[in-house]
Every structure is written in C-alpha cells, then in structure tokens.
C-alpha cells in the first residue's frame, strides 16, 4: 500500500489516519520531496482511470493550465504539486482523493 501526498495536505493526513487506525501498513511518498516518474504516473493513471491533476490546486491556477493544452503526466513530472492527493495505491488499484468507501474496498 502506498499513499502519495504531502505532510501539509489535510486529506492526505486523513488517509494516513484511516489506514493507521485499521493497522494497515503503508509507504508514504512525500510529493514535496519526491517527484514520481513518468512510468509511475502512467500506472497510477491506468489504475485510477481519471485525470490526475487537481484543477483547484494553487499550482494549477498559478500556471494558468486551464487555458492551455497540456500532457498531464508531463506537467506532474515537472510539478508534483499538481497531482490530486491523496493517491492511495494498492498494486494496480488506485483511489484519488478522499474516498473512504473506496479505501475500504482496497483493504477487503
């Protein structure tokens, strides 16, 4: 089990607490210190089946991406803060954002 996020993200903290309370071990990937590779992001996208970019993030707004055509994986490689967090990943199954029902399905 992996959780991608940042230490400052409240939703990521909720994901960590959710799994800790259930004694589910996980590996935390701090996006403030580590930029996922293109391959990792492609696997996450394949597992999630939806857009990976948080269109409400300050990084998205600051860069004006809503007015551009872009490759979301290239943009996230350049700036991991664009990734919608938390990303909870178990094998090839991925849940983006805060979704406790989907997290329960991952551990069952």
PDB file of N, CA and C in Angstrom:
ATOM      1  N   UNK A   1       0.847  -1.166   0.000  1.00  0.00           N
ATOM      2  CA  UNK A   1       0.000   0.000   0.000  1.00  0.00           C
ATOM      3  C   UNK A   1       0.895   1.233   0.000  1.00  0.00           C
ATOM      4  N   UNK A   2       0.561   2.180  -0.867  1.00  0.00           N
ATOM      5  CA  UNK A   2       1.291   3.448  -0.930  1.00  0.00           C
ATOM      6  C   UNK A   2       0.301   4.593  -0.808  1.00  0.00           C
ATOM      7  N   UNK A   3       0.723   5.642  -0.141  1.00  0.00           N
ATOM      8  CA  UNK A   3      -0.048   6.879  -0.089  1.00  0.00           C
ATOM      9  C   UNK A   3       0.865   7.989  -0.582  1.00  0.00           C
ATOM     10  N   UNK A   4       0.462   8.646  -1.671  1.00  0.00           N
ATOM     11  CA  UNK A   4       1.190   9.789  -2.215  1.00  0.00           C
ATOM     12  C   UNK A   4       0.484  11.045  -1.720  1.00  0.00           C
ATOM     13  N   UNK A   5       1.256  12.004  -1.242  1.00  0.00           N
ATOM     14  CA  UNK A   5       0.694  13.266  -0.795  1.00  0.00           C
ATOM     15  C   UNK A   5       1.786  14.131  -0.202  1.00  0.00           C
ATOM     16  N   UNK A   6       1.369  15.124   0.550  1.00  0.00           N
ATOM     17  CA  UNK A   6       2.322  15.967   1.255  1.00  0.00           C
ATOM     18  C   UNK A   6       1.942  16.005   2.731  1.00  0.00           C
ATOM     19  N   UNK A   7       2.916  16.295   3.564  1.00  0.00           N
ATOM     20  CA  UNK A   7       2.682  16.355   5.007  1.00  0.00           C
ATOM     21  C   UNK A   7       1.702  17.473   5.385  1.00  0.00           C
ATOM     22  N   UNK A   8       1.599  18.500   4.544  1.00  0.00           N
ATOM     23  CA  UNK A   8       0.720  19.625   4.842  1.00  0.00           C
ATOM     24  C   UNK A   8      -0.724  19.396   4.389  1.00  0.00           C
ATOM     25  N   UNK A   9      -0.960  18.423   3.528  1.00  0.00           N
ATOM     26  CA  UNK A   9      -2.289  18.182   2.959  1.00  0.00           C
ATOM     27  C   UNK A   9      -3.209  17.509   3.979  1.00  0.00           C
ATOM     28  N   UNK A  10      -4.299  18.167   4.313  1.00  0.00           N
ATOM     29  CA  UNK A  10      -5.234  17.632   5.300  1.00  0.00           C
ATOM     30  C   UNK A  10      -5.885  16.324   4.833  1.00  0.00           C
ATOM     31  N   UNK A  11      -6.187  16.228   3.542  1.00  0.00           N
ATOM     32  CA  UNK A  11      -6.800  14.996   3.035  1.00  0.00           C
ATOM     33  C   UNK A  11      -5.822  13.831   3.064  1.00  0.00           C
ATOM     34  N   UNK A  12      -4.561  14.114   2.841  1.00  0.00           N
ATOM     35  CA  UNK A  12      -3.543  13.072   2.941  1.00  0.00           C
ATOM     36  C   UNK A  12      -3.419  12.607   4.392  1.00  0.00           C
ATOM     37  N   UNK A  13      -3.476  13.545   5.332  1.00  0.00           N
ATOM     38  CA  UNK A  13      -3.430  13.192   6.754  1.00  0.00           C
ATOM     39  C   UNK A  13      -4.615  12.296   7.125  1.00  0.00           C
ATOM     40  N   UNK A  14      -5.784  12.584   6.545  1.00  0.00           N
ATOM     41  CA  UNK A  14      -6.960  11.757   6.810  1.00  0.00           C
ATOM     42  C   UNK A  14      -6.764  10.341   6.273  1.00  0.00           C
ATOM     43  N   UNK A  15      -6.146  10.235   5.099  1.00  0.00           N
ATOM     44  CA  UNK A  15      -5.874   8.906   4.531  1.00  0.00           C
ATOM     45  C   UNK A  15      -4.907   8.138   5.429  1.00  0.00           C
ATOM     46  N   UNK A  16      -3.856   8.801   5.877  1.00  0.00           N
ATOM     47  CA  UNK A  16      -2.896   8.144   6.765  1.00  0.00           C
ATOM     48  C   UNK A  16      -3.574   7.684   8.060  1.00  0.00           C
ATOM     49  N   UNK A  17      -4.410   8.534   8.617  1.00  0.00           N
ATOM     50  CA  UNK A  17      -5.111   8.189   9.844  1.00  0.00           C
ATOM     51  C   UNK A  17      -6.069   7.008   9.607  1.00  0.00           C
ATOM     52  N   UNK A  18      -6.774   7.023   8.482  1.00  0.00           N
ATOM     53  CA  UNK A  18      -7.705   5.944   8.141  1.00  0.00           C
ATOM     54  C   UNK A  18      -6.993   4.590   8.159  1.00  0.00           C
ATOM     55  N   UNK A  19      -5.841   4.507   7.489  1.00  0.00           N
ATOM     56  CA  UNK A  19      -5.134   3.235   7.405  1.00  0.00           C
ATOM     57  C   UNK A  19      -4.418   2.891   8.716  1.00  0.00           C
ATOM     58  N   UNK A  20      -3.903   3.886   9.404  1.00  0.00           N
ATOM     59  CA  UNK A  20      -3.248   3.639  10.688  1.00  0.00           C
ATOM     60  C   UNK A  20      -4.233   3.093  11.716  1.00  0.00           C
ATOM     61  N   UNK A  21      -5.436   3.670  11.768  1.00  0.00           N
ATOM     62  CA  UNK A  21      -6.447   3.216  12.720  1.00  0.00           C
ATOM     63  C   UNK A  21      -6.839   1.765  12.476  1.00  0.00           C
ATOM     64  N   UNK A  22      -6.708   1.307  11.253  1.00  0.00           N
ATOM     65  CA  UNK A  22      -7.048  -0.071  10.898  1.00  0.00           C
ATOM     66  C   UNK A  22      -5.825  -0.988  10.887  1.00  0.00           C
ATOM     67  N   UNK A  23      -4.718  -0.432  11.339  1.00  0.00           N
ATOM     68  CA  UNK A  23      -3.443  -1.162  11.406  1.00  0.00           C
ATOM     69  C   UNK A  23      -3.032  -1.729  10.047  1.00  0.00           C
ATOM     70  N   UNK A  24      -3.274  -0.939   9.014  1.00  0.00           N
ATOM     71  CA  UNK A  24      -2.853  -1.294   7.664  1.00  0.00           C
ATOM     72  C   UNK A  24      -1.536  -0.562   7.407  1.00  0.00           C
ATOM     73  N   UNK A  25      -0.491  -1.318   7.117  1.00  0.00           N
ATOM     74  CA  UNK A  25       0.799  -0.669   6.868  1.00  0.00           C
ATOM     75  C   UNK A  25       0.806  -0.064   5.462  1.00  0.00           C
ATOM     76  N   UNK A  26       1.506   1.036   5.340  1.00  0.00           N
ATOM     77  CA  UNK A  26       1.604   1.734   4.060  1.00  0.00           C
ATOM     78  C   UNK A  26       2.952   2.429   3.968  1.00  0.00           C
ATOM     79  N   UNK A  27       3.311   2.748   2.746  1.00  0.00           N
ATOM     80  CA  UNK A  27       4.526   3.514   2.486  1.00  0.00           C
ATOM     81  C   UNK A  27       4.090   4.903   2.048  1.00  0.00           C
ATOM     82  N   UNK A  28       4.544   5.940   2.764  1.00  0.00           N
ATOM     83  CA  UNK A  28       4.179   7.317   2.428  1.00  0.00           C
ATOM     84  C   UNK A  28       5.187   7.887   1.435  1.00  0.00           C
ATOM     85  N   UNK A  29       4.684   8.452   0.348  1.00  0.00           N
ATOM     86  CA  UNK A  29       5.523   9.102  -0.661  1.00  0.00           C
ATOM     87  C   UNK A  29       5.239  10.595  -0.578  1.00  0.00           C
ATOM     88  N   UNK A  30       6.213  11.352  -0.067  1.00  0.00           N
ATOM     89  CA  UNK A  30       6.062  12.796   0.117  1.00  0.00           C
ATOM     90  C   UNK A  30       6.373  13.521  -1.186  1.00  0.00           C
ATOM     91  N   UNK A  31       5.331  14.073  -1.796  1.00  0.00           N
ATOM     92  CA  UNK A  31       5.496  14.752  -3.081  1.00  0.00           C
ATOM     93  C   UNK A  31       6.287  16.055  -2.958  1.00  0.00           C
ATOM     94  N   UNK A  32       6.463  16.543  -1.742  1.00  0.00           N
ATOM     95  CA  UNK A  32       7.289  17.739  -1.541  1.00  0.00           C
ATOM     96  C   UNK A  32       8.770  17.397  -1.688  1.00  0.00           C
ATOM     97  N   UNK A  33       9.104  16.110  -1.523  1.00  0.00           N
ATOM     98  CA  UNK A  33      10.495  15.680  -1.596  1.00  0.00           C
ATOM     99  C   UNK A  33      10.785  14.768  -2.778  1.00  0.00           C
ATOM    100  N   UNK A  34       9.765  14.140  -3.322  1.00  0.00           N
ATOM    101  CA  UNK A  34       9.956  13.116  -4.343  1.00  0.00           C
ATOM    102  C   UNK A  34       9.005  13.355  -5.512  1.00  0.00           C
ATOM    103  N   UNK A  35       9.541  13.374  -6.705  1.00  0.00           N
ATOM    104  CA  UNK A  35       8.729  13.524  -7.901  1.00  0.00           C
ATOM    105  C   UNK A  35       8.537  12.160  -8.555  1.00  0.00           C
ATOM    106  N   UNK A  36       7.301  11.696  -8.684  1.00  0.00           N
ATOM    107  CA  UNK A  36       7.077  10.391  -9.307  1.00  0.00           C
ATOM    108  C   UNK A  36       7.566  10.389 -10.759  1.00  0.00           C
ATOM    109  N   UNK A  37       8.008   9.236 -11.208  1.00  0.00           N
ATOM    110  CA  UNK A  37       8.467   9.109 -12.587  1.00  0.00           C
ATOM    111  C   UNK A  37       7.274   9.042 -13.530  1.00  0.00           C
ATOM    112  N   UNK A  38       7.563   9.228 -14.791  1.00  0.00           N
ATOM    113  CA  UNK A  38       6.526   9.123 -15.815  1.00  0.00           C
ATOM    114  C   UNK A  38       5.859   7.739 -15.755  1.00  0.00           C
ATOM    115  N   UNK A  39       6.667   6.690 -15.600  1.00  0.00           N
ATOM    116  CA  UNK A  39       6.124   5.335 -15.525  1.00  0.00           C
ATOM    117  C   UNK A  39       5.185   5.139 -14.348  1.00  0.00           C
ATOM    118  N   UNK A  40       5.572   5.675 -13.180  1.00  0.00           N
ATOM    119  CA  UNK A  40       4.707   5.581 -12.000  1.00  0.00           C
ATOM    120  C   UNK A  40       3.381   6.289 -12.242  1.00  0.00           C
ATOM    121  N   UNK A  41       3.472   7.485 -12.830  1.00  0.00           N
ATOM    122  CA  UNK A  41       2.264   8.260 -13.098  1.00  0.00           C
ATOM    123  C   UNK A  41       1.366   7.564 -14.117  1.00  0.00           C
ATOM    124  N   UNK A  42       1.968   6.939 -15.122  1.00  0.00           N
ATOM    125  CA  UNK A  42       1.166   6.201 -16.106  1.00  0.00           C
ATOM    126  C   UNK A  42       0.451   5.035 -15.440  1.00  0.00           C
ATOM    127  N   UNK A  43       1.130   4.340 -14.521  1.00  0.00           N
ATOM    128  CA  UNK A  43       0.493   3.246 -13.783  1.00  0.00           C
ATOM    129  C   UNK A  43      -0.634   3.759 -12.893  1.00  0.00           C
ATOM    130  N   UNK A  44      -0.413   4.892 -12.246  1.00  0.00           N
ATOM    131  CA  UNK A  44      -1.443   5.485 -11.403  1.00  0.00           C
ATOM    132  C   UNK A  44      -2.651   5.873 -12.260  1.00  0.00           C
ATOM    133  N   UNK A  45      -2.394   6.493 -13.393  1.00  0.00           N
ATOM    134  CA  UNK A  45      -3.490   6.908 -14.274  1.00  0.00           C
ATOM    135  C   UNK A  45      -4.274   5.702 -14.773  1.00  0.00           C
ATOM    136  N   UNK A  46      -3.564   4.662 -15.147  1.00  0.00           N
ATOM    137  CA  UNK A  46      -4.213   3.440 -15.632  1.00  0.00           C
ATOM    138  C   UNK A  46      -5.109   2.857 -14.529  1.00  0.00           C
ATOM    139  N   UNK A  47      -4.616   2.848 -13.292  1.00  0.00           N
ATOM    140  CA  UNK A  47      -5.387   2.309 -12.175  1.00  0.00           C
ATOM    141  C   UNK A  47      -6.558   3.181 -11.776  1.00  0.00           C
ATOM    142  N   UNK A  48      -6.388   4.498 -11.891  1.00  0.00           N
ATOM    143  CA  UNK A  48      -7.442   5.425 -11.471  1.00  0.00           C
ATOM    144  C   UNK A  48      -8.494   5.608 -12.562  1.00  0.00           C
ATOM    145  N   UNK A  49      -8.036   5.658 -13.801  1.00  0.00           N
ATOM    146  CA  UNK A  49      -8.963   5.832 -14.919  1.00  0.00           C
ATOM    147  C   UNK A  49      -9.536   7.229 -15.057  1.00  0.00           C
ATOM    148  N   UNK A  50      -8.990   8.192 -14.331  1.00  0.00           N
ATOM    149  CA  UNK A  50      -9.467   9.578 -14.391  1.00  0.00           C
ATOM    150  C   UNK A  50      -8.264  10.522 -14.444  1.00  0.00           C
ATOM    151  N   UNK A  51      -8.551  11.800 -14.618  1.00  0.00           N
ATOM    152  CA  UNK A  51      -7.492  12.801 -14.643  1.00  0.00           C
ATOM    153  C   UNK A  51      -6.764  12.841 -13.307  1.00  0.00           C
ATOM    154  N   UNK A  52      -5.451  13.014 -13.367  1.00  0.00           N
ATOM    155  CA  UNK A  52      -4.621  13.043 -12.162  1.00  0.00           C
ATOM    156  C   UNK A  52      -4.407  14.447 -11.613  1.00  0.00           C
ATOM    157  N   UNK A  53      -4.762  15.454 -12.388  1.00  0.00           N
ATOM    158  CA  UNK A  53      -4.456  16.832 -11.996  1.00  0.00           C
ATOM    159  C   UNK A  53      -5.563  17.426 -11.141  1.00  0.00           C
ATOM    160  N   UNK A  54      -5.139  18.070 -10.064  1.00  0.00           N
ATOM    161  CA  UNK A  54      -6.060  18.799  -9.198  1.00  0.00           C
ATOM    162  C   UNK A  54      -6.260  20.186  -9.792  1.00  0.00           C
ATOM    163  N   UNK A  55      -7.399  20.369 -10.456  1.00  0.00           N
ATOM    164  CA  UNK A  55      -7.663  21.633 -11.154  1.00  0.00           C
ATOM    165  C   UNK A  55      -7.977  22.776 -10.196  1.00  0.00           C
ATOM    166  N   UNK A  56      -8.067  22.485  -8.905  1.00  0.00           N
ATOM    167  CA  UNK A  56      -8.300  23.533  -7.907  1.00  0.00           C
ATOM    168  C   UNK A  56      -7.034  23.878  -7.134  1.00  0.00           C
ATOM    169  N   UNK A  57      -5.920  23.244  -7.479  1.00  0.00           N
ATOM    170  CA  UNK A  57      -4.685  23.486  -6.737  1.00  0.00           C
ATOM    171  C   UNK A  57      -4.101  24.854  -7.085  1.00  0.00           C
ATOM    172  N   UNK A  58      -3.405  25.464  -6.132  1.00  0.00           N
ATOM    173  CA  UNK A  58      -2.740  26.739  -6.410  1.00  0.00           C
ATOM    174  C   UNK A  58      -1.750  26.627  -7.582  1.00  0.00           C
ATOM    175  N   UNK A  59      -1.065  25.490  -7.702  1.00  0.00           N
ATOM    176  CA  UNK A  59      -0.102  25.312  -8.797  1.00  0.00           C
ATOM    177  C   UNK A  59      -0.802  25.339 -10.151  1.00  0.00           C
ATOM    178  N   UNK A  60      -1.961  24.716 -10.243  1.00  0.00           N
ATOM    179  CA  UNK A  60      -2.731  24.691 -11.497  1.00  0.00           C
ATOM    180  C   UNK A  60      -3.174  26.098 -11.869  1.00  0.00           C
ATOM    181  N   UNK A  61      -3.705  26.803 -10.884  1.00  0.00           N
ATOM    182  CA  UNK A  61      -4.200  28.164 -11.121  1.00  0.00           C
ATOM    183  C   UNK A  61      -3.056  29.103 -11.462  1.00  0.00           C
ATOM    184  N   UNK A  62      -1.964  29.034 -10.707  1.00  0.00           N
ATOM    185  CA  UNK A  62      -0.814  29.912 -10.923  1.00  0.00           C
ATOM    186  C   UNK A  62      -0.230  29.752 -12.322  1.00  0.00           C
ATOM    187  N   UNK A  63      -0.180  28.519 -12.795  1.00  0.00           N
ATOM    188  CA  UNK A  63       0.405  28.265 -14.114  1.00  0.00           C
ATOM    189  C   UNK A  63      -0.576  28.503 -15.246  1.00  0.00           C
ATOM    190  N   UNK A  64      -1.827  28.781 -14.947  1.00  0.00           N
ATOM    191  CA  UNK A  64      -2.821  29.070 -15.974  1.00  0.00           C
ATOM    192  C   UNK A  64      -3.113  27.886 -16.884  1.00  0.00           C
ATOM    193  N   UNK A  65      -3.051  26.682 -16.335  1.00  0.00           N
ATOM    194  CA  UNK A  65      -3.225  25.493 -17.167  1.00  0.00           C
ATOM    195  C   UNK A  65      -4.642  25.331 -17.703  1.00  0.00           C
ATOM    196  N   UNK A  66      -5.610  25.982 -17.085  1.00  0.00           N
ATOM    197  CA  UNK A  66      -6.980  25.854 -17.579  1.00  0.00           C
ATOM    198  C   UNK A  66      -7.124  26.469 -18.966  1.00  0.00           C
ATOM    199  N   UNK A  67      -6.159  27.291 -19.358  1.00  0.00           N
ATOM    200  CA  UNK A  67      -6.210  27.945 -20.663  1.00  0.00           C
ATOM    201  C   UNK A  67      -5.268  27.311 -21.674  1.00  0.00           C
ATOM    202  N   UNK A  68      -4.701  26.154 -21.341  1.00  0.00           N
ATOM    203  CA  UNK A  68      -3.695  25.528 -22.200  1.00  0.00           C
ATOM    204  C   UNK A  68      -4.057  24.084 -22.524  1.00  0.00           C
ATOM    205  N   UNK A  69      -3.466  23.611 -23.613  1.00  0.00           N
ATOM    206  CA  UNK A  69      -3.445  22.181 -23.881  1.00  0.00           C
ATOM    207  C   UNK A  69      -2.153  21.664 -23.281  1.00  0.00           C
ATOM    208  N   UNK A  70      -2.220  20.549 -22.600  1.00  0.00           N
ATOM    209  CA  UNK A  70      -1.021  20.026 -21.947  1.00  0.00           C
ATOM    210  C   UNK A  70      -1.146  18.516 -21.789  1.00  0.00           C
ATOM    211  N   UNK A  71      -0.003  17.878 -21.597  1.00  0.00           N
ATOM    212  CA  UNK A  71       0.048  16.467 -21.249  1.00  0.00           C
ATOM    213  C   UNK A  71       0.131  16.416 -19.733  1.00  0.00           C
ATOM    214  N   UNK A  72      -0.902  15.867 -19.092  1.00  0.00           N
ATOM    215  CA  UNK A  72      -0.953  15.945 -17.634  1.00  0.00           C
ATOM    216  C   UNK A  72       0.212  15.217 -16.957  1.00  0.00           C
ATOM    217  N   UNK A  73       0.665  14.137 -17.534  1.00  0.00           N
ATOM    218  CA  UNK A  73       1.784  13.417 -16.921  1.00  0.00           C
ATOM    219  C   UNK A  73       3.058  14.239 -17.000  1.00  0.00           C
ATOM    220  N   UNK A  74       3.317  14.877 -18.155  1.00  0.00           N
ATOM    221  CA  UNK A  74       4.486  15.752 -18.267  1.00  0.00           C
ATOM    222  C   UNK A  74       4.428  16.880 -17.238  1.00  0.00           C
ATOM    223  N   UNK A  75       3.253  17.455 -17.081  1.00  0.00           N
ATOM    224  CA  UNK A  75       3.111  18.567 -16.131  1.00  0.00           C
ATOM    225  C   UNK A  75       3.326  18.117 -14.692  1.00  0.00           C
ATOM    226  N   UNK A  76       2.826  16.942 -14.335  1.00  0.00           N
ATOM    227  CA  UNK A  76       3.007  16.451 -12.968  1.00  0.00           C
ATOM    228  C   UNK A  76       4.464  16.078 -12.713  1.00  0.00           C
ATOM    229  N   UNK A  77       5.147  15.538 -13.723  1.00  0.00           N
ATOM    230  CA  UNK A  77       6.581  15.243 -13.564  1.00  0.00           C
ATOM    231  C   UNK A  77       7.329  16.536 -13.260  1.00  0.00           C
ATOM    232  N   UNK A  78       6.968  17.621 -13.955  1.00  0.00           N
ATOM    233  CA  UNK A  78       7.614  18.918 -13.718  1.00  0.00           C
ATOM    234  C   UNK A  78       7.235  19.510 -12.364  1.00  0.00           C
ATOM    235  N   UNK A  79       5.964  19.319 -11.962  1.00  0.00           N
ATOM    236  CA  UNK A  79       5.473  19.905 -10.717  1.00  0.00           C
ATOM    237  C   UNK A  79       4.530  18.930 -10.021  1.00  0.00           C
ATOM    238  N   UNK A  80       5.051  18.082  -9.118  1.00  0.00           N
ATOM    239  CA  UNK A  80       4.226  17.079  -8.441  1.00  0.00           C
ATOM    240  C   UNK A  80       3.072  17.668  -7.627  1.00  0.00           C
ATOM    241  N   UNK A  81       3.140  18.958  -7.315  1.00  0.00           N
ATOM    242  CA  UNK A  81       2.061  19.591  -6.552  1.00  0.00           C
ATOM    243  C   UNK A  81       0.755  19.657  -7.338  1.00  0.00           C
ATOM    244  N   UNK A  82       0.806  19.349  -8.635  1.00  0.00           N
ATOM    245  CA  UNK A  82      -0.401  19.323  -9.452  1.00  0.00           C
ATOM    246  C   UNK A  82      -1.219  18.049  -9.250  1.00  0.00           C
ATOM    247  N   UNK A  83      -0.612  17.022  -8.697  1.00  0.00           N
ATOM    248  CA  UNK A  83      -1.270  15.731  -8.536  1.00  0.00           C
ATOM    249  C   UNK A  83      -2.393  15.825  -7.502  1.00  0.00           C
ATOM    250  N   UNK A  84      -3.559  15.304  -7.872  1.00  0.00           N
ATOM    251  CA  UNK A  84      -4.685  15.247  -6.959  1.00  0.00           C
ATOM    252  C   UNK A  84      -4.345  14.275  -5.833  1.00  0.00           C
ATOM    253  N   UNK A  85      -4.386  14.753  -4.595  1.00  0.00           N
ATOM    254  CA  UNK A  85      -3.993  13.917  -3.466  1.00  0.00           C
ATOM    255  C   UNK A  85      -5.135  13.759  -2.487  1.00  0.00           C
ATOM    256  N   UNK A  86      -5.112  12.752  -1.669  1.00  0.00           N
ATOM    257  CA  UNK A  86      -4.107  11.695  -1.643  1.00  0.00           C
ATOM    258  C   UNK A  86      -4.314  10.697  -2.777  1.00  0.00           C
ATOM    259  N   UNK A  87      -3.218  10.075  -3.155  1.00  0.00           N
ATOM    260  CA  UNK A  87      -3.281   8.942  -4.078  1.00  0.00           C
ATOM    261  C   UNK A  87      -3.012   7.708  -3.228  1.00  0.00           C
ATOM    262  N   UNK A  88      -3.986   6.831  -3.154  1.00  0.00           N
ATOM    263  CA  UNK A  88      -3.839   5.589  -2.397  1.00  0.00           C
ATOM    264  C   UNK A  88      -3.749   4.475  -3.429  1.00  0.00           C
ATOM    265  N   UNK A  89      -2.660   3.735  -3.344  1.00  0.00           N
ATOM    266  CA  UNK A  89      -2.367   2.735  -4.366  1.00  0.00           C
ATOM    267  C   UNK A  89      -2.053   1.387  -3.726  1.00  0.00           C
ATOM    268  N   UNK A  90      -2.756   0.378  -4.197  1.00  0.00           N
ATOM    269  CA  UNK A  90      -2.505  -0.999  -3.765  1.00  0.00           C
ATOM    270  C   UNK A  90      -2.397  -1.831  -5.041  1.00  0.00           C
ATOM    271  N   UNK A  91      -1.158  -2.167  -5.396  1.00  0.00           N
ATOM    272  CA  UNK A  91      -0.942  -2.887  -6.656  1.00  0.00           C
ATOM    273  C   UNK A  91      -1.361  -2.015  -7.827  1.00  0.00           C
ATOM    274  N   UNK A  92      -2.269  -2.538  -8.657  1.00  0.00           N
ATOM    275  CA  UNK A  92      -2.720  -1.746  -9.800  1.00  0.00           C
ATOM    276  C   UNK A  92      -4.056  -1.052  -9.531  1.00  0.00           C
ATOM    277  N   UNK A  93      -4.530  -1.085  -8.278  1.00  0.00           N
ATOM    278  CA  UNK A  93      -5.753  -0.389  -7.887  1.00  0.00           C
ATOM    279  C   UNK A  93      -5.376   0.954  -7.281  1.00  0.00           C
ATOM    280  N   UNK A  94      -6.074   2.001  -7.718  1.00  0.00           N
ATOM    281  CA  UNK A  94      -5.734   3.360  -7.289  1.00  0.00           C
ATOM    282  C   UNK A  94      -7.006   4.114  -6.919  1.00  0.00           C
ATOM    283  N   UNK A  95      -6.931   4.860  -5.820  1.00  0.00           N
ATOM    284  CA  UNK A  95      -8.010   5.760  -5.426  1.00  0.00           C
ATOM    285  C   UNK A  95      -7.409   7.157  -5.320  1.00  0.00           C
ATOM    286  N   UNK A  96      -8.013   8.107  -6.032  1.00  0.00           N
ATOM    287  CA  UNK A  96      -7.576   9.502  -5.971  1.00  0.00           C
ATOM    288  C   UNK A  96      -8.510  10.285  -5.070  1.00  0.00           C
ATOM    289  N   UNK A  97      -7.925  11.133  -4.248  1.00  0.00           N
ATOM    290  CA  UNK A  97      -8.721  11.979  -3.374  1.00  0.00           C
ATOM    291  C   UNK A  97      -9.238  11.232  -2.154  1.00  0.00           C
ATOM    292  N   UNK A  98     -10.014  11.944  -1.350  1.00  0.00           N
ATOM    293  CA  UNK A  98     -10.562  11.395  -0.102  1.00  0.00           C
ATOM    294  C   UNK A  98     -11.821  10.603  -0.428  1.00  0.00           C
ATOM    295  N   UNK A  99     -11.743   9.273  -0.290  1.00  0.00           N
ATOM    296  CA  UNK A  99     -12.871   8.402  -0.595  1.00  0.00           C
ATOM    297  C   UNK A  99     -12.787   7.166   0.300  1.00  0.00           C
ATOM    298  N   UNK A 100     -13.322   7.274   1.508  1.00  0.00           N
ATOM    299  CA  UNK A 100     -13.199   6.202   2.488  1.00  0.00           C
ATOM    300  C   UNK A 100     -13.874   4.913   2.030  1.00  0.00           C
ATOM    301  N   UNK A 101     -14.972   5.018   1.316  1.00  0.00           N
ATOM    302  CA  UNK A 101     -15.645   3.815   0.814  1.00  0.00           C
ATOM    303  C   UNK A 101     -14.733   3.050  -0.153  1.00  0.00           C
ATOM    304  N   UNK A 102     -14.080   3.772  -1.041  1.00  0.00           N
ATOM    305  CA  UNK A 102     -13.152   3.137  -1.980  1.00  0.00           C
ATOM    306  C   UNK A 102     -11.933   2.581  -1.251  1.00  0.00           C
ATOM    307  N   UNK A 103     -11.482   3.262  -0.190  1.00  0.00           N
ATOM    308  CA  UNK A 103     -10.353   2.758   0.590  1.00  0.00           C
ATOM    309  C   UNK A 103     -10.724   1.439   1.264  1.00  0.00           C
ATOM    310  N   UNK A 104     -11.968   1.364   1.772  1.00  0.00           N
ATOM    311  CA  UNK A 104     -12.416   0.112   2.397  1.00  0.00           C
ATOM    312  C   UNK A 104     -12.373  -1.039   1.398  1.00  0.00           C
ATOM    313  N   UNK A 105     -12.773  -0.764   0.163  1.00  0.00           N
ATOM    314  CA  UNK A 105     -12.753  -1.796  -0.875  1.00  0.00           C
ATOM    315  C   UNK A 105     -11.325  -2.253  -1.171  1.00  0.00           C
ATOM    316  N   UNK A 106     -10.365  -1.328  -1.090  1.00  0.00           N
ATOM    317  CA  UNK A 106      -8.970  -1.685  -1.324  1.00  0.00           C
ATOM    318  C   UNK A 106      -8.455  -2.676  -0.288  1.00  0.00           C
ATOM    319  N   UNK A 107      -8.895  -2.532   0.953  1.00  0.00           N
ATOM    320  CA  UNK A 107      -8.342  -3.388   2.003  1.00  0.00           C
ATOM    321  C   UNK A 107      -9.162  -4.655   2.215  1.00  0.00           C
ATOM    322  N   UNK A 108     -10.284  -4.788   1.542  1.00  0.00           N
ATOM    323  CA  UNK A 108     -11.104  -6.015   1.666  1.00  0.00           C
ATOM    324  C   UNK A 108     -10.840  -6.973   0.546  1.00  0.00           C
TER     325      UNK A 108
END
